[in-house]
Protein backbone atom coordinates (compact mmCIF):
# COMPACT_ATOMS: atom_id res chain seq x y z
CA MET A 1 -2.41 -7.55 -15.46
CA LYS A 2 -6.05 -7.33 -16.53
CA ILE A 3 -8.44 -6.12 -13.83
CA SER A 4 -11.50 -7.58 -15.52
CA GLY A 5 -12.00 -11.14 -14.44
CA SER A 6 -9.34 -10.95 -11.63
CA VAL A 7 -9.67 -12.16 -8.06
CA ALA A 8 -8.33 -9.52 -5.72
CA LEU A 9 -7.68 -9.12 -2.03
CA VAL A 10 -7.40 -5.69 -0.49
CA THR A 11 -6.16 -5.21 3.04
CA GLY A 12 -7.50 -2.39 5.13
CA ALA A 13 -10.59 -2.38 2.85
CA ASN A 14 -13.13 -1.04 5.37
CA ARG A 15 -12.50 2.65 4.77
CA GLY A 16 -10.51 5.30 2.98
CA LEU A 17 -8.13 4.20 0.21
CA GLY A 18 -8.80 0.53 0.81
CA ALA A 19 -12.55 0.89 0.42
CA ALA A 20 -11.95 2.93 -2.77
CA PHE A 21 -9.73 0.14 -4.13
CA ALA A 22 -12.31 -2.52 -3.41
CA GLN A 23 -15.15 -0.65 -5.10
CA ALA A 24 -13.06 0.34 -8.12
CA LEU A 25 -11.99 -3.25 -8.67
CA LEU A 26 -15.60 -4.33 -8.86
CA ASP A 27 -16.42 -1.41 -11.15
CA ARG A 28 -13.64 -2.52 -13.47
CA GLY A 29 -14.99 -6.06 -13.64
CA ALA A 30 -13.05 -8.05 -11.05
CA ARG A 31 -14.72 -11.41 -10.56
CA THR A 32 -14.20 -11.49 -6.78
CA VAL A 33 -12.93 -8.86 -4.33
CA TYR A 34 -11.93 -10.07 -0.88
CA ALA A 35 -12.24 -7.02 1.38
CA ALA A 36 -10.07 -7.62 4.42
CA ALA A 37 -10.27 -5.82 7.81
CA ARG A 38 -9.70 -6.64 11.41
CA ASN A 39 -13.46 -6.43 11.88
CA PRO A 40 -15.22 -7.79 8.76
CA ALA A 41 -18.51 -6.24 10.00
CA THR A 42 -17.06 -2.85 9.06
CA ILE A 43 -16.99 -3.85 5.33
CA THR A 44 -20.11 -2.13 3.95
CA GLY A 45 -19.62 -2.22 0.22
CA THR A 46 -22.04 -4.34 -1.79
CA ASN A 47 -20.83 -7.43 -3.69
CA LEU A 48 -17.58 -7.61 -1.62
CA THR A 49 -16.47 -10.71 0.19
CA PRO A 50 -15.49 -9.66 3.75
CA VAL A 51 -12.43 -11.39 5.29
CA GLU A 52 -11.30 -11.06 8.85
CA LEU A 53 -7.58 -10.18 8.80
CA ASP A 54 -5.02 -8.56 11.10
CA VAL A 55 -1.87 -8.29 8.97
CA THR A 56 0.27 -8.31 12.22
CA ASP A 57 -1.06 -11.76 13.20
CA PRO A 58 0.81 -14.49 11.39
CA ALA A 59 -1.98 -17.06 12.10
CA ALA A 60 -4.60 -14.70 10.58
CA VAL A 61 -2.43 -14.10 7.51
CA ALA A 62 -1.93 -17.83 6.95
CA ALA A 63 -5.64 -18.39 7.36
CA ALA A 64 -6.42 -15.66 4.76
CA ALA A 65 -3.97 -17.22 2.27
CA GLU A 66 -5.63 -20.60 2.74
CA ARG A 67 -9.17 -19.21 2.43
CA CYS A 68 -8.43 -16.92 -0.51
CA GLY A 69 -6.56 -19.43 -2.65
CA ASP A 70 -7.87 -18.10 -5.89
CA VAL A 71 -6.30 -14.60 -5.51
CA ASP A 72 -4.30 -13.32 -8.46
CA LEU A 73 -4.08 -9.69 -7.31
CA LEU A 74 -2.97 -8.73 -3.80
CA ILE A 75 -3.19 -5.05 -2.68
CA ASN A 76 -1.25 -4.41 0.51
CA ASN A 77 -3.02 -1.31 1.60
CA ALA A 78 -3.40 -1.69 5.36
CA GLY A 79 -1.34 0.90 7.30
CA ILE A 80 -1.26 2.99 10.44
CA SER A 81 0.18 6.31 11.36
CA ARG A 82 0.93 7.66 14.88
CA SER A 83 1.09 11.41 14.53
CA GLY A 84 3.46 13.55 16.58
CA SER A 85 6.98 12.82 17.64
CA PRO A 86 7.01 9.05 17.86
CA ASP A 87 7.88 7.17 21.00
CA LEU A 88 9.36 3.66 20.72
CA ASP A 89 5.99 1.93 21.15
CA SER A 90 4.43 4.01 18.28
CA ALA A 91 7.35 3.42 16.07
CA ARG A 92 7.24 -0.30 16.69
CA ALA A 93 3.53 -0.39 15.95
CA GLU A 94 3.98 1.47 12.64
CA MET A 95 6.85 -0.87 11.62
CA ASP A 96 4.82 -3.92 12.65
CA THR A 97 1.85 -2.98 10.38
CA ASN A 98 3.41 -1.02 7.60
CA TYR A 99 6.53 -3.07 6.99
CA PHE A 100 6.23 -6.45 8.76
CA GLY A 101 2.55 -6.74 7.83
CA THR A 102 3.29 -6.10 4.23
CA LEU A 103 6.19 -8.60 4.34
CA SER A 104 4.00 -11.24 5.99
CA MET A 105 1.19 -10.83 3.38
CA SER A 106 3.65 -10.87 0.51
CA ARG A 107 5.34 -14.00 1.73
CA ALA A 108 2.04 -15.80 2.43
CA PHE A 109 0.47 -14.93 -0.88
CA ALA A 110 3.44 -15.33 -3.22
CA PRO A 111 2.78 -19.07 -3.64
CA VAL A 112 -0.89 -18.32 -4.16
CA LEU A 113 -0.09 -15.82 -6.91
CA ALA A 114 2.32 -18.29 -8.44
CA ARG A 115 -0.29 -21.04 -8.60
CA ASN A 116 -2.77 -18.68 -10.27
CA GLY A 117 -0.42 -17.62 -13.08
CA GLY A 118 1.69 -14.97 -11.43
CA GLY A 119 -0.75 -12.12 -11.20
CA ALA A 120 0.26 -8.93 -9.42
CA LEU A 121 1.15 -7.51 -6.03
CA VAL A 122 0.58 -3.85 -5.16
CA ASN A 123 2.14 -2.16 -2.15
CA VAL A 124 0.71 1.19 -1.05
CA LEU A 125 3.69 3.24 0.06
CA SER A 126 4.04 7.00 0.49
CA VAL A 127 6.06 10.06 -0.43
CA LEU A 128 7.54 9.50 3.05
CA SER A 129 9.27 6.49 1.53
CA PHE A 130 11.60 9.06 -0.06
CA ILE A 131 11.72 11.82 2.53
CA THR A 132 10.98 12.26 6.24
CA LEU A 133 9.63 14.73 8.77
CA PRO A 134 10.49 14.97 12.50
CA GLN A 135 6.78 14.54 13.44
CA ALA A 136 6.45 11.45 11.20
CA SER A 137 9.82 9.80 11.49
CA GLY A 138 8.52 6.42 12.63
CA TYR A 139 5.93 6.28 9.85
CA ALA A 140 8.47 7.39 7.27
CA ALA A 141 10.95 4.76 8.44
CA SER A 142 8.27 2.03 8.09
CA LYS A 143 7.36 3.19 4.60
CA ALA A 144 11.02 3.50 3.54
CA ALA A 145 11.45 -0.12 4.66
CA ALA A 146 8.32 -1.13 2.73
CA TRP A 147 9.75 0.63 -0.34
CA SER A 148 12.96 -1.35 -0.08
CA LEU A 149 10.94 -4.55 0.36
CA THR A 150 8.87 -3.67 -2.71
CA ASN A 151 11.99 -3.30 -4.81
CA ALA A 152 13.31 -6.72 -3.55
CA LEU A 153 9.94 -8.39 -4.19
CA ARG A 154 9.88 -7.01 -7.66
CA LEU A 155 13.15 -8.85 -8.39
CA GLU A 156 12.39 -11.95 -6.42
CA LEU A 157 8.93 -12.59 -7.83
CA LYS A 158 9.63 -11.79 -11.40
CA GLU A 159 10.67 -15.37 -12.11
CA GLN A 160 7.26 -16.66 -11.07
CA GLY A 161 5.57 -14.05 -13.31
CA THR A 162 4.28 -11.82 -10.49
CA HIS A 163 4.25 -8.12 -11.31
CA VAL A 164 5.04 -5.90 -8.31
CA LEU A 165 3.78 -2.27 -8.26
CA GLY A 166 4.68 0.37 -5.73
CA VAL A 167 2.35 3.36 -5.12
CA HIS A 168 3.62 6.62 -3.64
CA ALA A 169 1.38 9.63 -2.72
CA GLY A 170 1.51 12.59 -0.41
CA TYR A 171 -1.52 13.40 1.70
CA ILE A 172 -4.67 11.43 0.61
CA ASP A 173 -8.08 12.70 1.65
CA THR A 174 -8.81 9.97 4.17
CA ASP A 175 -9.21 9.69 7.95
CA MET A 176 -5.43 9.32 8.33
CA ALA A 177 -4.93 12.85 6.97
CA ALA A 178 -8.01 14.42 8.46
CA HIS A 179 -5.82 16.68 10.61
CA VAL A 180 -4.03 18.09 7.54
CA THR A 181 -5.20 21.43 6.04
CA GLY A 182 -2.92 21.44 2.99
CA PRO A 183 -3.50 19.99 -0.51
CA LYS A 184 -4.69 16.39 -0.70
CA ILE A 185 -5.25 13.90 -3.49
CA THR A 186 -8.50 11.97 -3.54
CA PRO A 187 -8.60 8.23 -2.94
CA ALA A 188 -10.29 7.88 -6.37
CA GLU A 189 -7.40 9.56 -8.10
CA VAL A 190 -4.82 7.29 -6.46
CA VAL A 191 -6.88 4.19 -7.22
CA ALA A 192 -7.44 5.11 -10.85
CA GLN A 193 -3.77 5.73 -11.41
CA THR A 194 -2.82 2.46 -9.76
CA LEU A 195 -5.24 0.30 -11.65
CA ASP A 196 -4.27 2.00 -14.89
CA ALA A 197 -0.61 1.31 -14.10
CA LEU A 198 -1.31 -2.34 -13.37
CA GLU A 199 -2.88 -2.75 -16.78
CA THR A 200 -0.01 -1.07 -18.54
CA GLY A 201 2.69 -2.98 -16.63
CA ALA A 202 4.24 0.05 -14.86
CA TYR A 203 6.37 -0.62 -11.84
CA GLU A 204 5.72 2.53 -9.90
CA VAL A 205 2.98 5.17 -9.41
CA LEU A 206 3.97 8.64 -8.32
CA ALA A 207 0.44 9.83 -7.70
CA ASP A 208 0.93 13.54 -7.14
CA ALA A 209 3.35 16.44 -7.66
CA ILE A 210 5.04 16.09 -4.26
CA SER A 211 5.80 12.42 -4.89
CA ARG A 212 7.27 13.14 -8.33
CA GLN A 213 9.30 16.11 -7.01
CA SER A 214 10.67 14.08 -4.00
CA LYS A 215 11.59 11.08 -6.08
CA ALA A 216 13.44 13.31 -8.59
CA GLY A 217 15.13 15.12 -5.61
CA LEU A 218 16.84 11.96 -4.37
CA SER A 219 19.61 12.43 -6.88
CA GLY A 220 20.33 15.97 -5.77
CA GLU A 221 21.77 17.70 -2.70
CA LEU A 222 20.10 17.13 0.61
CA GLU A 223 19.31 20.85 0.90
CA ARG A 224 16.77 20.43 -1.98
CA LEU A 225 14.81 17.84 -0.08
CA TYR A 226 15.29 19.54 3.29
CA PRO A 227 15.46 23.32 2.78
CA ALA A 228 15.91 23.81 6.53
CA LEU A 229 19.44 22.44 6.17
CA ALA A 230 20.35 25.39 3.94
CA THR A 231 19.32 27.88 6.60
CA SER A 232 22.26 29.41 8.46
CA SER A 233 22.21 28.76 12.20
């Protein structure tokens, strides 16, 4: 997938990682970048094409697919996190945006991508696709579901020539992780790795050390991923 000359749509493009994706795509020569957000007035980048979009609203998703019929690169970036021990409403909201929103966008735009030569689809996932934490169990469940979806889409859309890329990272220095005091990767670093991976045909981006370690740890004992389990009670 060549970024230069592409027509891209980025969900959740009004801030954080989404805004970084939108600007980087322009910087790398994308012909058109549709910057989608629930409130298009919050899209402030220059030379972007704002699109009103709530990924949890099927009618809005269908309208976006109709309007943006020239897209050959879809970046499913929109996501929410409800910090703390999740109640059922918070968990449902996370699943609705992070999983069902990604599913809805992917289904709606798959025919668009096919008509435009296949192109590529990028799903922004998380290290919490691989592991979980008690205080983020709802978010982790939604990202694990989105990871499984990404793997299925990769197989399903291969026949139509659509390349599917999954992106995993730990804490990214955005508003979502503003409460975190530990190490964070910058949005620019995640975006650069993702766009490089697209152009080389990679299937997965493990953007930081914790993502690489956690993915590798899936083949080992649970105590490696969850050291608390090795602690005698």
